[in-house]
Amino acid sequence: MPKNKTHSGTAKRVKITGTGKLRRQQTGLRHRLEVKSSAQTRRQTGTVAIAPADVKRVKKLLGR
């Protein structure tokens, strides 16, 4: 049986923590920043956990 390939698009967007949790960047910080309030852009910095409903699918895409 051949090996499964990692989905490279997902691999670029998702990082796996040391404990095995999945983290991703928050959305909304790429363009049109001038119309968003400073408070809104500050809230969107950093990473967040992937939704529990999506974890199984994302792990499969990452080959885990």
PDB file of N, CA and C in Angstrom:
ATOM      1  N   MET A   1       0.843  -1.185   0.000  1.00  0.00           N
ATOM      2  CA  MET A   1       0.000   0.000   0.000  1.00  0.00           C
ATOM      3  C   MET A   1       0.887   1.247   0.000  1.00  0.00           C
ATOM      4  N   PRO A   2       0.634   2.222  -0.895  1.00  0.00           N
ATOM      5  CA  PRO A   2       1.486   3.414  -0.954  1.00  0.00           C
ATOM      6  C   PRO A   2       1.242   4.341   0.236  1.00  0.00           C
ATOM      7  N   LYS A   3       2.244   5.129   0.527  1.00  0.00           N
ATOM      8  CA  LYS A   3       2.111   6.103   1.605  1.00  0.00           C
ATOM      9  C   LYS A   3       1.160   7.219   1.192  1.00  0.00           C
ATOM     10  N   ASN A   4       0.506   7.818   2.190  1.00  0.00           N
ATOM     11  CA  ASN A   4      -0.345   8.975   1.920  1.00  0.00           C
ATOM     12  C   ASN A   4       0.508  10.227   1.907  1.00  0.00           C
ATOM     13  N   LYS A   5       0.181  11.151   1.016  1.00  0.00           N
ATOM     14  CA  LYS A   5       0.910  12.405   0.958  1.00  0.00           C
ATOM     15  C   LYS A   5       0.268  13.427   1.877  1.00  0.00           C
ATOM     16  N   THR A   6       1.110  14.239   2.517  1.00  0.00           N
ATOM     17  CA  THR A   6       0.623  15.342   3.323  1.00  0.00           C
ATOM     18  C   THR A   6       0.010  16.390   2.402  1.00  0.00           C
ATOM     19  N   HIS A   7      -1.126  16.951   2.802  1.00  0.00           N
ATOM     20  CA  HIS A   7      -1.752  18.028   2.028  1.00  0.00           C
ATOM     21  C   HIS A   7      -0.962  19.304   2.319  1.00  0.00           C
ATOM     22  N   SER A   8      -0.168  19.751   1.339  1.00  0.00           N
ATOM     23  CA  SER A   8       0.786  20.832   1.595  1.00  0.00           C
ATOM     24  C   SER A   8       0.097  22.145   1.932  1.00  0.00           C
ATOM     25  N   GLY A   9      -1.100  22.393   1.381  1.00  0.00           N
ATOM     26  CA  GLY A   9      -1.824  23.623   1.720  1.00  0.00           C
ATOM     27  C   GLY A   9      -2.210  23.661   3.176  1.00  0.00           C
ATOM     28  N   THR A  10      -2.651  22.517   3.702  1.00  0.00           N
ATOM     29  CA  THR A  10      -3.018  22.444   5.114  1.00  0.00           C
ATOM     30  C   THR A  10      -1.777  22.525   5.991  1.00  0.00           C
ATOM     31  N   ALA A  11      -0.703  21.889   5.561  1.00  0.00           N
ATOM     32  CA  ALA A  11       0.526  21.880   6.348  1.00  0.00           C
ATOM     33  C   ALA A  11       1.079  23.292   6.535  1.00  0.00           C
ATOM     34  N   LYS A  12       0.869  24.168   5.541  1.00  0.00           N
ATOM     35  CA  LYS A  12       1.348  25.543   5.654  1.00  0.00           C
ATOM     36  C   LYS A  12       0.499  26.362   6.612  1.00  0.00           C
ATOM     37  N   ARG A  13      -0.752  25.962   6.807  1.00  0.00           N
ATOM     38  CA  ARG A  13      -1.687  26.755   7.605  1.00  0.00           C
ATOM     39  C   ARG A  13      -1.842  26.283   9.034  1.00  0.00           C
ATOM     40  N   VAL A  14      -1.499  25.031   9.319  1.00  0.00           N
ATOM     41  CA  VAL A  14      -1.773  24.444  10.625  1.00  0.00           C
ATOM     42  C   VAL A  14      -0.474  23.964  11.242  1.00  0.00           C
ATOM     43  N   LYS A  15      -0.300  24.247  12.539  1.00  0.00           N
ATOM     44  CA  LYS A  15       0.860  23.758  13.266  1.00  0.00           C
ATOM     45  C   LYS A  15       0.376  22.816  14.363  1.00  0.00           C
ATOM     46  N   ILE A  16       1.163  21.795  14.654  1.00  0.00           N
ATOM     47  CA  ILE A  16       0.832  20.839  15.703  1.00  0.00           C
ATOM     48  C   ILE A  16       1.695  21.164  16.914  1.00  0.00           C
ATOM     49  N   THR A  17       1.052  21.315  18.076  1.00  0.00           N
ATOM     50  CA  THR A  17       1.776  21.627  19.303  1.00  0.00           C
ATOM     51  C   THR A  17       2.471  20.377  19.823  1.00  0.00           C
ATOM     52  N   GLY A  18       3.268  20.540  20.841  1.00  0.00           N
ATOM     53  CA  GLY A  18       3.972  19.406  21.424  1.00  0.00           C
ATOM     54  C   GLY A  18       3.040  18.369  22.008  1.00  0.00           C
ATOM     55  N   THR A  19       1.866  18.806  22.461  1.00  0.00           N
ATOM     56  CA  THR A  19       0.895  17.877  23.034  1.00  0.00           C
ATOM     57  C   THR A  19      -0.052  17.317  21.989  1.00  0.00           C
ATOM     58  N   GLY A  20       0.121  17.709  20.711  1.00  0.00           N
ATOM     59  CA  GLY A  20      -0.679  17.152  19.638  1.00  0.00           C
ATOM     60  C   GLY A  20      -1.899  17.949  19.249  1.00  0.00           C
ATOM     61  N   LYS A  21      -2.075  19.137  19.848  1.00  0.00           N
ATOM     62  CA  LYS A  21      -3.214  19.967  19.474  1.00  0.00           C
ATOM     63  C   LYS A  21      -2.905  20.715  18.177  1.00  0.00           C
ATOM     64  N   LEU A  22      -3.955  21.129  17.488  1.00  0.00           N
ATOM     65  CA  LEU A  22      -3.801  21.830  16.217  1.00  0.00           C
ATOM     66  C   LEU A  22      -4.078  23.313  16.419  1.00  0.00           C
ATOM     67  N   ARG A  23      -3.190  24.153  15.900  1.00  0.00           N
ATOM     68  CA  ARG A  23      -3.338  25.601  16.023  1.00  0.00           C
ATOM     69  C   ARG A  23      -3.321  26.223  14.637  1.00  0.00           C
ATOM     70  N   ARG A  24      -4.060  27.326  14.469  1.00  0.00           N
ATOM     71  CA  ARG A  24      -4.099  28.047  13.196  1.00  0.00           C
ATOM     72  C   ARG A  24      -4.148  29.531  13.478  1.00  0.00           C
ATOM     73  N   GLN A  25      -3.774  30.323  12.461  1.00  0.00           N
ATOM     74  CA  GLN A  25      -3.886  31.772  12.564  1.00  0.00           C
ATOM     75  C   GLN A  25      -5.344  32.183  12.470  1.00  0.00           C
ATOM     76  N   GLN A  26      -5.695  33.296  13.102  1.00  0.00           N
ATOM     77  CA  GLN A  26      -7.050  33.802  12.985  1.00  0.00           C
ATOM     78  C   GLN A  26      -7.234  34.504  11.637  1.00  0.00           C
ATOM     79  N   THR A  27      -8.470  34.527  11.184  1.00  0.00           N
ATOM     80  CA  THR A  27      -8.758  35.132   9.888  1.00  0.00           C
ATOM     81  C   THR A  27      -8.981  36.635  10.049  1.00  0.00           C
ATOM     82  N   GLY A  28      -8.917  37.348   8.927  1.00  0.00           N
ATOM     83  CA  GLY A  28      -9.292  38.747   8.906  1.00  0.00           C
ATOM     84  C   GLY A  28      -8.148  39.732   9.040  1.00  0.00           C
ATOM     85  N   LEU A  29      -6.903  39.273   8.916  1.00  0.00           N
ATOM     86  CA  LEU A  29      -5.769  40.187   9.097  1.00  0.00           C
ATOM     87  C   LEU A  29      -4.930  40.347   7.831  1.00  0.00           C
ATOM     88  N   ARG A  30      -5.491  40.057   6.667  1.00  0.00           N
ATOM     89  CA  ARG A  30      -4.698  40.109   5.445  1.00  0.00           C
ATOM     90  C   ARG A  30      -4.910  41.386   4.641  1.00  0.00           C
ATOM     91  N   HIS A  31      -6.118  41.898   4.613  1.00  0.00           N
ATOM     92  CA  HIS A  31      -6.371  43.091   3.800  1.00  0.00           C
ATOM     93  C   HIS A  31      -7.501  43.886   4.438  1.00  0.00           C
ATOM     94  N   ARG A  32      -7.705  45.115   3.909  1.00  0.00           N
ATOM     95  CA  ARG A  32      -8.723  46.056   4.412  1.00  0.00           C
ATOM     96  C   ARG A  32      -8.543  46.372   5.884  1.00  0.00           C
ATOM     97  N   LEU A  33      -7.299  46.450   6.320  1.00  0.00           N
ATOM     98  CA  LEU A  33      -7.047  46.698   7.730  1.00  0.00           C
ATOM     99  C   LEU A  33      -7.393  48.132   8.117  1.00  0.00           C
ATOM    100  N   GLU A  34      -7.416  49.030   7.132  1.00  0.00           N
ATOM    101  CA  GLU A  34      -7.697  50.435   7.474  1.00  0.00           C
ATOM    102  C   GLU A  34      -9.139  50.655   7.911  1.00  0.00           C
ATOM    103  N   VAL A  35     -10.048  49.756   7.529  1.00  0.00           N
ATOM    104  CA  VAL A  35     -11.441  49.946   7.932  1.00  0.00           C
ATOM    105  C   VAL A  35     -11.758  49.219   9.230  1.00  0.00           C
ATOM    106  N   LYS A  36     -10.843  48.409   9.729  1.00  0.00           N
ATOM    107  CA  LYS A  36     -11.067  47.679  10.979  1.00  0.00           C
ATOM    108  C   LYS A  36     -10.468  48.467  12.139  1.00  0.00           C
ATOM    109  N   SER A  37     -11.138  48.402  13.276  1.00  0.00           N
ATOM    110  CA  SER A  37     -10.650  49.138  14.436  1.00  0.00           C
ATOM    111  C   SER A  37      -9.373  48.481  14.966  1.00  0.00           C
ATOM    112  N   SER A  38      -8.581  49.266  15.681  1.00  0.00           N
ATOM    113  CA  SER A  38      -7.344  48.744  16.257  1.00  0.00           C
ATOM    114  C   SER A  38      -7.639  47.626  17.239  1.00  0.00           C
ATOM    115  N   ALA A  39      -8.732  47.767  17.988  1.00  0.00           N
ATOM    116  CA  ALA A  39      -9.102  46.727  18.949  1.00  0.00           C
ATOM    117  C   ALA A  39      -9.409  45.419  18.228  1.00  0.00           C
ATOM    118  N   GLN A  40     -10.073  45.519  17.089  1.00  0.00           N
ATOM    119  CA  GLN A  40     -10.424  44.325  16.330  1.00  0.00           C
ATOM    120  C   GLN A  40      -9.174  43.623  15.807  1.00  0.00           C
ATOM    121  N   THR A  41      -8.218  44.394  15.274  1.00  0.00           N
ATOM    122  CA  THR A  41      -7.012  43.773  14.738  1.00  0.00           C
ATOM    123  C   THR A  41      -6.158  43.182  15.860  1.00  0.00           C
ATOM    124  N   ARG A  42      -6.158  43.803  17.022  1.00  0.00           N
ATOM    125  CA  ARG A  42      -5.423  43.229  18.153  1.00  0.00           C
ATOM    126  C   ARG A  42      -6.037  41.906  18.592  1.00  0.00           C
ATOM    127  N   ARG A  43      -7.349  41.837  18.593  1.00  0.00           N
ATOM    128  CA  ARG A  43      -8.028  40.604  18.993  1.00  0.00           C
ATOM    129  C   ARG A  43      -7.714  39.458  18.040  1.00  0.00           C
ATOM    130  N   GLN A  44      -7.447  39.779  16.789  1.00  0.00           N
ATOM    131  CA  GLN A  44      -7.242  38.740  15.790  1.00  0.00           C
ATOM    132  C   GLN A  44      -5.795  38.284  15.670  1.00  0.00           C
ATOM    133  N   THR A  45      -4.888  38.832  16.478  1.00  0.00           N
ATOM    134  CA  THR A  45      -3.498  38.362  16.427  1.00  0.00           C
ATOM    135  C   THR A  45      -3.377  37.047  17.182  1.00  0.00           C
ATOM    136  N   GLY A  46      -2.300  36.347  16.938  1.00  0.00           N
ATOM    137  CA  GLY A  46      -2.064  35.095  17.629  1.00  0.00           C
ATOM    138  C   GLY A  46      -2.767  33.928  16.971  1.00  0.00           C
ATOM    139  N   THR A  47      -2.665  32.773  17.613  1.00  0.00           N
ATOM    140  CA  THR A  47      -3.237  31.560  17.063  1.00  0.00           C
ATOM    141  C   THR A  47      -4.400  31.083  17.914  1.00  0.00           C
ATOM    142  N   VAL A  48      -5.260  30.274  17.309  1.00  0.00           N
ATOM    143  CA  VAL A  48      -6.393  29.678  18.012  1.00  0.00           C
ATOM    144  C   VAL A  48      -6.436  28.189  17.697  1.00  0.00           C
ATOM    145  N   ALA A  49      -7.124  27.441  18.539  1.00  0.00           N
ATOM    146  CA  ALA A  49      -7.278  26.004  18.313  1.00  0.00           C
ATOM    147  C   ALA A  49      -8.253  25.767  17.168  1.00  0.00           C
ATOM    148  N   ILE A  50      -8.030  24.696  16.443  1.00  0.00           N
ATOM    149  CA  ILE A  50      -8.961  24.321  15.381  1.00  0.00           C
ATOM    150  C   ILE A  50     -10.220  23.751  16.028  1.00  0.00           C
ATOM    151  N   ALA A  51     -11.367  24.026  15.430  1.00  0.00           N
ATOM    152  CA  ALA A  51     -12.651  23.591  15.982  1.00  0.00           C
ATOM    153  C   ALA A  51     -12.669  22.071  16.148  1.00  0.00           C
ATOM    154  N   PRO A  52     -13.227  21.590  17.257  1.00  0.00           N
ATOM    155  CA  PRO A  52     -13.238  20.136  17.516  1.00  0.00           C
ATOM    156  C   PRO A  52     -13.867  19.327  16.385  1.00  0.00           C
ATOM    157  N   ALA A  53     -14.867  19.898  15.706  1.00  0.00           N
ATOM    158  CA  ALA A  53     -15.526  19.178  14.623  1.00  0.00           C
ATOM    159  C   ALA A  53     -14.596  18.964  13.433  1.00  0.00           C
ATOM    160  N   ASP A  54     -13.552  19.783  13.309  1.00  0.00           N
ATOM    161  CA  ASP A  54     -12.657  19.711  12.158  1.00  0.00           C
ATOM    162  C   ASP A  54     -11.359  18.959  12.431  1.00  0.00           C
ATOM    163  N   VAL A  55     -11.084  18.636  13.692  1.00  0.00           N
ATOM    164  CA  VAL A  55      -9.772  18.084  14.057  1.00  0.00           C
ATOM    165  C   VAL A  55      -9.485  16.774  13.327  1.00  0.00           C
ATOM    166  N   LYS A  56     -10.459  15.879  13.272  1.00  0.00           N
ATOM    167  CA  LYS A  56     -10.234  14.579  12.641  1.00  0.00           C
ATOM    168  C   LYS A  56      -9.873  14.738  11.168  1.00  0.00           C
ATOM    169  N   ARG A  57     -10.598  15.618  10.475  1.00  0.00           N
ATOM    170  CA  ARG A  57     -10.371  15.820   9.038  1.00  0.00           C
ATOM    171  C   ARG A  57      -9.002  16.459   8.786  1.00  0.00           C
ATOM    172  N   VAL A  58      -8.640  17.442   9.614  1.00  0.00           N
ATOM    173  CA  VAL A  58      -7.361  18.133   9.421  1.00  0.00           C
ATOM    174  C   VAL A  58      -6.197  17.196   9.723  1.00  0.00           C
ATOM    175  N   LYS A  59      -6.332  16.379  10.761  1.00  0.00           N
ATOM    176  CA  LYS A  59      -5.257  15.432  11.069  1.00  0.00           C
ATOM    177  C   LYS A  59      -5.060  14.444   9.931  1.00  0.00           C
ATOM    178  N   LYS A  60      -6.146  14.042   9.282  1.00  0.00           N
ATOM    179  CA  LYS A  60      -6.032  13.133   8.150  1.00  0.00           C
ATOM    180  C   LYS A  60      -5.294  13.813   6.996  1.00  0.00           C
ATOM    181  N   LEU A  61      -5.577  15.100   6.771  1.00  0.00           N
ATOM    182  CA  LEU A  61      -4.878  15.833   5.721  1.00  0.00           C
ATOM    183  C   LEU A  61      -3.391  15.964   6.018  1.00  0.00           C
ATOM    184  N   LEU A  62      -3.042  16.009   7.305  1.00  0.00           N
ATOM    185  CA  LEU A  62      -1.639  16.145   7.694  1.00  0.00           C
ATOM    186  C   LEU A  62      -0.932  14.796   7.783  1.00  0.00           C
ATOM    187  N   GLY A  63      -1.672  13.716   7.556  1.00  0.00           N
ATOM    188  CA  GLY A  63      -1.063  12.402   7.594  1.00  0.00           C
ATOM    189  C   GLY A  63      -0.825  11.890   8.989  1.00  0.00           C
ATOM    190  N   ARG A  64      -1.698  12.248   9.920  1.00  0.00           N
ATOM    191  CA  ARG A  64      -1.553  11.799  11.308  1.00  0.00           C
ATOM    192  C   ARG A  64      -2.665  10.873  11.715  1.00  0.00           C
TER     193      ARG A  64
END
